[in-house]
């Protein structure tokens, strides 16, 4: 069971903070955050395809960082089970974003998974 002290959850929290600050500051980020952002165009294309009614520039920056992290883990890392990655993304949204964000994150990730299972 995930707890606030789980090292994987803590690592995701730290990565989320780094991915969030990229949009506001040109600061040094960790190699892992750099790796995630090296796939930004692919990640954002996935988000845009799954949430057509929400242009990337209109998505809450915290939600965007959470989605980028989750999609990166789903498509490139593939270390954790899909449901764990989605649950973690929803938990991060509950912790760092607004009241509608968990549902939005869940919906976008669900649309991405539906698309992948139909290909």
N, C-alpha and C. Protein backbone atom coordinates (compact mmCIF):
# COMPACT_ATOMS: atom_id res chain seq x y z
N UNK A 1 0.84 -1.18 0.00
CA UNK A 1 0.00 0.00 0.00
C UNK A 1 0.88 1.24 0.00
N UNK A 2 0.50 2.21 -0.81
CA UNK A 2 1.25 3.45 -0.92
C UNK A 2 1.04 4.31 0.32
N UNK A 3 2.11 4.86 0.80
CA UNK A 3 2.03 5.82 1.89
C UNK A 3 2.82 7.06 1.49
N UNK A 4 2.66 8.13 2.23
CA UNK A 4 3.39 9.36 1.95
C UNK A 4 4.89 9.16 2.09
N UNK A 5 5.30 8.12 2.80
CA UNK A 5 6.72 7.87 3.00
C UNK A 5 7.30 6.88 2.00
N UNK A 6 6.46 6.34 1.13
CA UNK A 6 6.92 5.41 0.10
C UNK A 6 7.95 6.12 -0.77
N UNK A 7 9.14 5.55 -0.93
CA UNK A 7 10.19 6.23 -1.71
C UNK A 7 9.79 6.46 -3.17
N UNK A 8 8.99 5.58 -3.74
CA UNK A 8 8.55 5.79 -5.12
C UNK A 8 7.61 6.98 -5.21
N UNK A 9 6.73 7.13 -4.22
CA UNK A 9 5.82 8.27 -4.20
C UNK A 9 6.61 9.57 -3.99
N UNK A 10 7.56 9.55 -3.09
CA UNK A 10 8.40 10.72 -2.83
C UNK A 10 9.16 11.12 -4.09
N UNK A 11 9.68 10.13 -4.81
CA UNK A 11 10.41 10.42 -6.05
C UNK A 11 9.49 11.07 -7.08
N UNK A 12 8.26 10.56 -7.19
CA UNK A 12 7.29 11.15 -8.12
C UNK A 12 6.94 12.59 -7.70
N UNK A 13 6.81 12.82 -6.40
CA UNK A 13 6.54 14.17 -5.92
C UNK A 13 7.66 15.12 -6.35
N UNK A 14 8.89 14.70 -6.16
CA UNK A 14 10.04 15.53 -6.52
C UNK A 14 10.09 15.78 -8.02
N UNK A 15 9.83 14.75 -8.82
CA UNK A 15 9.82 14.92 -10.27
C UNK A 15 8.70 15.86 -10.70
N UNK A 16 7.55 15.72 -10.09
CA UNK A 16 6.43 16.60 -10.41
C UNK A 16 6.81 18.06 -10.16
N UNK A 17 7.44 18.33 -9.05
CA UNK A 17 7.86 19.69 -8.72
C UNK A 17 8.84 20.22 -9.77
N UNK A 18 9.76 19.39 -10.19
CA UNK A 18 10.72 19.81 -11.21
C UNK A 18 10.04 20.08 -12.55
N UNK A 19 9.15 19.17 -12.96
CA UNK A 19 8.45 19.34 -14.22
C UNK A 19 7.57 20.58 -14.19
N UNK A 20 7.00 20.88 -13.05
CA UNK A 20 6.17 22.07 -12.89
C UNK A 20 7.00 23.33 -13.04
N UNK A 21 8.15 23.38 -12.41
CA UNK A 21 8.93 24.62 -12.41
C UNK A 21 9.55 24.92 -13.78
N UNK A 22 9.63 23.93 -14.65
CA UNK A 22 10.19 24.16 -15.99
C UNK A 22 9.41 25.23 -16.72
N UNK A 23 8.10 25.26 -16.54
CA UNK A 23 7.27 26.23 -17.24
C UNK A 23 7.44 27.66 -16.73
N UNK A 24 8.06 27.84 -15.58
CA UNK A 24 8.17 29.16 -14.99
C UNK A 24 9.59 29.66 -14.84
N UNK A 25 10.54 28.77 -14.71
CA UNK A 25 11.91 29.17 -14.45
C UNK A 25 12.86 28.33 -15.30
N UNK A 26 13.90 28.95 -15.75
CA UNK A 26 14.95 28.20 -16.43
C UNK A 26 15.99 27.82 -15.39
N UNK A 27 15.69 26.79 -14.63
CA UNK A 27 16.58 26.33 -13.58
C UNK A 27 17.11 24.96 -13.95
N UNK A 28 18.17 24.62 -13.28
CA UNK A 28 18.75 23.30 -13.47
C UNK A 28 17.79 22.25 -12.92
N UNK A 29 17.59 21.18 -13.70
CA UNK A 29 16.72 20.10 -13.27
C UNK A 29 17.49 18.79 -13.29
N UNK A 30 16.95 17.80 -12.65
CA UNK A 30 17.63 16.50 -12.54
C UNK A 30 17.72 15.83 -13.91
N UNK A 31 18.65 14.91 -14.06
CA UNK A 31 18.74 14.16 -15.32
C UNK A 31 17.45 13.41 -15.66
N UNK A 32 16.76 12.90 -14.64
CA UNK A 32 15.51 12.18 -14.91
C UNK A 32 14.43 13.13 -15.44
N UNK A 33 14.33 14.32 -14.88
CA UNK A 33 13.37 15.31 -15.38
C UNK A 33 13.76 15.74 -16.80
N UNK A 34 15.06 15.86 -17.05
CA UNK A 34 15.52 16.20 -18.41
C UNK A 34 15.12 15.10 -19.39
N UNK A 35 15.25 13.85 -18.96
CA UNK A 35 14.88 12.72 -19.82
C UNK A 35 13.39 12.78 -20.14
N UNK A 36 12.56 13.06 -19.14
CA UNK A 36 11.12 13.16 -19.37
C UNK A 36 10.84 14.28 -20.38
N UNK A 37 11.47 15.43 -20.17
CA UNK A 37 11.21 16.58 -21.05
C UNK A 37 11.81 16.39 -22.44
N UNK A 38 12.74 15.47 -22.60
CA UNK A 38 13.26 15.20 -23.95
C UNK A 38 12.18 14.56 -24.82
N UNK A 39 11.13 14.06 -24.20
CA UNK A 39 10.01 13.45 -24.90
C UNK A 39 8.77 14.35 -24.89
N UNK A 40 8.97 15.63 -24.58
CA UNK A 40 7.85 16.55 -24.40
C UNK A 40 6.90 16.57 -25.60
N UNK A 41 7.43 16.61 -26.80
CA UNK A 41 6.53 16.70 -27.96
C UNK A 41 5.66 15.45 -28.08
N UNK A 42 6.22 14.27 -27.82
CA UNK A 42 5.42 13.04 -27.85
C UNK A 42 4.40 13.01 -26.72
N UNK A 43 4.84 13.40 -25.53
CA UNK A 43 3.95 13.41 -24.37
C UNK A 43 2.78 14.37 -24.60
N UNK A 44 3.10 15.58 -25.08
CA UNK A 44 2.06 16.58 -25.31
C UNK A 44 1.13 16.16 -26.44
N UNK A 45 1.65 15.47 -27.45
CA UNK A 45 0.78 14.96 -28.53
C UNK A 45 -0.20 13.94 -27.97
N UNK A 46 0.26 13.08 -27.07
CA UNK A 46 -0.64 12.11 -26.42
C UNK A 46 -1.71 12.81 -25.61
N UNK A 47 -1.31 13.84 -24.87
CA UNK A 47 -2.27 14.59 -24.06
C UNK A 47 -3.29 15.26 -24.96
N UNK A 48 -2.81 15.90 -26.01
CA UNK A 48 -3.71 16.63 -26.91
C UNK A 48 -4.70 15.68 -27.59
N UNK A 49 -4.24 14.51 -27.96
CA UNK A 49 -5.12 13.52 -28.59
C UNK A 49 -6.18 13.01 -27.61
N UNK A 50 -5.80 12.87 -26.36
CA UNK A 50 -6.71 12.32 -25.35
C UNK A 50 -7.64 13.38 -24.76
N UNK A 51 -7.26 14.64 -24.87
CA UNK A 51 -8.08 15.74 -24.32
C UNK A 51 -8.23 16.83 -25.37
N UNK A 52 -8.88 16.47 -26.46
CA UNK A 52 -8.99 17.37 -27.62
C UNK A 52 -9.61 18.72 -27.28
N UNK A 53 -10.53 18.75 -26.33
CA UNK A 53 -11.20 19.99 -26.00
C UNK A 53 -10.37 20.91 -25.10
N UNK A 54 -9.18 20.45 -24.69
CA UNK A 54 -8.31 21.24 -23.82
C UNK A 54 -6.95 21.45 -24.49
N UNK A 55 -6.73 22.61 -25.11
CA UNK A 55 -5.40 22.87 -25.69
C UNK A 55 -4.32 22.82 -24.60
N UNK A 56 -3.17 22.35 -24.95
CA UNK A 56 -2.06 22.19 -24.00
C UNK A 56 -1.83 23.48 -23.21
N UNK A 57 -1.84 24.61 -23.88
CA UNK A 57 -1.54 25.88 -23.20
C UNK A 57 -2.63 26.29 -22.21
N UNK A 58 -3.80 25.66 -22.27
CA UNK A 58 -4.90 25.98 -21.36
C UNK A 58 -4.98 25.01 -20.16
N UNK A 59 -4.23 23.92 -20.22
CA UNK A 59 -4.26 22.94 -19.12
C UNK A 59 -3.47 23.49 -17.94
N UNK A 60 -4.04 23.35 -16.76
CA UNK A 60 -3.38 23.74 -15.52
C UNK A 60 -1.96 23.17 -15.52
N UNK A 61 -0.98 23.99 -15.18
CA UNK A 61 0.44 23.58 -15.25
C UNK A 61 0.76 22.39 -14.35
N UNK A 62 0.12 22.29 -13.20
CA UNK A 62 0.35 21.15 -12.33
C UNK A 62 -0.20 19.89 -12.98
N UNK A 63 -1.42 19.99 -13.52
CA UNK A 63 -2.03 18.84 -14.20
C UNK A 63 -1.18 18.41 -15.39
N UNK A 64 -0.65 19.37 -16.12
CA UNK A 64 0.19 19.06 -17.27
C UNK A 64 1.45 18.31 -16.83
N UNK A 65 2.06 18.76 -15.74
CA UNK A 65 3.26 18.07 -15.23
C UNK A 65 2.92 16.65 -14.78
N UNK A 66 1.78 16.48 -14.13
CA UNK A 66 1.36 15.15 -13.68
C UNK A 66 1.12 14.25 -14.88
N UNK A 67 0.45 14.76 -15.89
CA UNK A 67 0.18 13.96 -17.09
C UNK A 67 1.47 13.59 -17.81
N UNK A 68 2.37 14.53 -17.94
CA UNK A 68 3.65 14.23 -18.60
C UNK A 68 4.39 13.12 -17.86
N UNK A 69 4.43 13.21 -16.54
CA UNK A 69 5.11 12.19 -15.74
C UNK A 69 4.44 10.83 -15.91
N UNK A 70 3.13 10.80 -15.80
CA UNK A 70 2.41 9.53 -15.89
C UNK A 70 2.54 8.90 -17.28
N UNK A 71 2.39 9.70 -18.31
CA UNK A 71 2.49 9.17 -19.68
C UNK A 71 3.91 8.70 -19.96
N UNK A 72 4.88 9.42 -19.45
CA UNK A 72 6.27 8.99 -19.60
C UNK A 72 6.46 7.62 -18.95
N UNK A 73 5.94 7.45 -17.74
CA UNK A 73 6.07 6.16 -17.06
C UNK A 73 5.31 5.06 -17.81
N UNK A 74 4.15 5.38 -18.35
CA UNK A 74 3.35 4.39 -19.08
C UNK A 74 4.01 3.98 -20.39
N UNK A 75 4.55 4.96 -21.12
CA UNK A 75 5.04 4.68 -22.48
C UNK A 75 6.53 4.40 -22.59
N UNK A 76 7.32 4.90 -21.67
CA UNK A 76 8.77 4.77 -21.82
C UNK A 76 9.41 3.92 -20.72
N UNK A 77 8.99 4.08 -19.48
CA UNK A 77 9.62 3.34 -18.38
C UNK A 77 9.04 1.94 -18.27
N UNK A 78 7.73 1.86 -18.22
CA UNK A 78 7.00 0.58 -18.16
C UNK A 78 7.49 -0.33 -17.04
N UNK A 79 7.84 0.28 -15.90
CA UNK A 79 8.35 -0.49 -14.76
C UNK A 79 7.24 -0.89 -13.80
N UNK A 80 6.26 -0.05 -13.67
CA UNK A 80 5.16 -0.27 -12.74
C UNK A 80 3.92 -0.73 -13.52
N UNK A 81 3.02 -1.44 -12.87
CA UNK A 81 1.75 -1.78 -13.54
C UNK A 81 0.96 -0.51 -13.87
N UNK A 82 0.20 -0.57 -14.93
CA UNK A 82 -0.58 0.57 -15.40
C UNK A 82 -1.45 1.16 -14.29
N UNK A 83 -2.15 0.30 -13.55
CA UNK A 83 -3.05 0.82 -12.52
C UNK A 83 -2.29 1.55 -11.41
N UNK A 84 -1.07 1.15 -11.13
CA UNK A 84 -0.26 1.83 -10.12
C UNK A 84 0.11 3.23 -10.61
N UNK A 85 0.50 3.35 -11.85
CA UNK A 85 0.88 4.64 -12.41
C UNK A 85 -0.32 5.59 -12.41
N UNK A 86 -1.48 5.10 -12.81
CA UNK A 86 -2.68 5.94 -12.83
C UNK A 86 -3.08 6.33 -11.41
N UNK A 87 -3.05 5.39 -10.49
CA UNK A 87 -3.39 5.70 -9.09
C UNK A 87 -2.44 6.76 -8.52
N UNK A 88 -1.17 6.63 -8.83
CA UNK A 88 -0.19 7.61 -8.35
C UNK A 88 -0.47 8.99 -8.95
N UNK A 89 -0.79 9.04 -10.24
CA UNK A 89 -1.10 10.31 -10.88
C UNK A 89 -2.31 10.97 -10.23
N UNK A 90 -3.31 10.19 -9.93
CA UNK A 90 -4.51 10.72 -9.26
C UNK A 90 -4.17 11.20 -7.85
N UNK A 91 -3.35 10.46 -7.14
CA UNK A 91 -2.93 10.89 -5.80
C UNK A 91 -2.15 12.19 -5.85
N UNK A 92 -1.26 12.32 -6.85
CA UNK A 92 -0.51 13.57 -7.00
C UNK A 92 -1.45 14.73 -7.29
N UNK A 93 -2.47 14.49 -8.10
CA UNK A 93 -3.45 15.53 -8.41
C UNK A 93 -4.21 15.94 -7.15
N UNK A 94 -4.58 14.97 -6.33
CA UNK A 94 -5.28 15.28 -5.07
C UNK A 94 -4.39 16.10 -4.14
N UNK A 95 -3.11 15.79 -4.17
CA UNK A 95 -2.16 16.42 -3.27
C UNK A 95 -1.73 17.82 -3.73
N UNK A 96 -1.56 18.01 -5.04
CA UNK A 96 -0.95 19.24 -5.54
C UNK A 96 -1.87 20.12 -6.38
N UNK A 97 -3.03 19.62 -6.79
CA UNK A 97 -3.85 20.38 -7.73
C UNK A 97 -5.24 20.63 -7.17
N UNK A 98 -6.14 21.06 -8.04
CA UNK A 98 -7.48 21.45 -7.62
C UNK A 98 -8.45 20.29 -7.50
N UNK A 99 -9.67 20.58 -7.06
CA UNK A 99 -10.66 19.53 -6.80
C UNK A 99 -11.12 18.76 -8.05
N UNK A 100 -11.07 19.38 -9.21
CA UNK A 100 -11.50 18.68 -10.43
C UNK A 100 -10.35 17.95 -11.12
N UNK A 101 -9.14 18.20 -10.68
CA UNK A 101 -7.97 17.63 -11.34
C UNK A 101 -7.89 16.11 -11.30
N UNK A 102 -8.19 15.44 -10.18
CA UNK A 102 -8.10 13.98 -10.19
C UNK A 102 -8.98 13.35 -11.27
N UNK A 103 -10.19 13.85 -11.44
CA UNK A 103 -11.08 13.32 -12.47
C UNK A 103 -10.56 13.61 -13.87
N UNK A 104 -10.01 14.81 -14.06
CA UNK A 104 -9.44 15.18 -15.36
C UNK A 104 -8.26 14.27 -15.69
N UNK A 105 -7.35 14.10 -14.74
CA UNK A 105 -6.17 13.25 -14.95
C UNK A 105 -6.62 11.82 -15.26
N UNK A 106 -7.56 11.31 -14.50
CA UNK A 106 -8.06 9.96 -14.72
C UNK A 106 -8.67 9.83 -16.11
N UNK A 107 -9.45 10.82 -16.52
CA UNK A 107 -10.08 10.79 -17.83
C UNK A 107 -9.08 10.80 -18.97
N UNK A 108 -8.09 11.67 -18.88
CA UNK A 108 -7.07 11.75 -19.94
C UNK A 108 -6.29 10.44 -20.03
N UNK A 109 -5.83 9.94 -18.90
CA UNK A 109 -5.07 8.69 -18.91
C UNK A 109 -5.93 7.52 -19.37
N UNK A 110 -7.20 7.52 -18.98
CA UNK A 110 -8.12 6.48 -19.46
C UNK A 110 -8.29 6.52 -20.96
N UNK A 111 -8.41 7.73 -21.53
CA UNK A 111 -8.52 7.86 -22.99
C UNK A 111 -7.27 7.36 -23.70
N UNK A 112 -6.13 7.64 -23.12
CA UNK A 112 -4.87 7.17 -23.72
C UNK A 112 -4.82 5.65 -23.71
N UNK A 113 -5.21 5.05 -22.59
CA UNK A 113 -5.19 3.58 -22.50
C UNK A 113 -6.20 2.95 -23.45
N UNK A 114 -7.38 3.55 -23.59
CA UNK A 114 -8.38 3.04 -24.53
C UNK A 114 -7.84 3.05 -25.95
N UNK A 115 -7.18 4.14 -26.31
CA UNK A 115 -6.61 4.27 -27.66
C UNK A 115 -5.55 3.18 -27.89
N UNK A 116 -4.70 2.97 -26.89
CA UNK A 116 -3.63 1.97 -27.02
C UNK A 116 -4.18 0.55 -27.13
N UNK A 117 -5.27 0.26 -26.44
CA UNK A 117 -5.82 -1.10 -26.49
C UNK A 117 -6.58 -1.35 -27.79
N UNK A 118 -6.97 -0.28 -28.49
CA UNK A 118 -7.69 -0.44 -29.75
C UNK A 118 -6.75 -0.40 -30.96
N UNK A 119 -5.47 -0.17 -30.72
CA UNK A 119 -4.52 -0.14 -31.85
C UNK A 119 -3.98 -1.51 -32.16
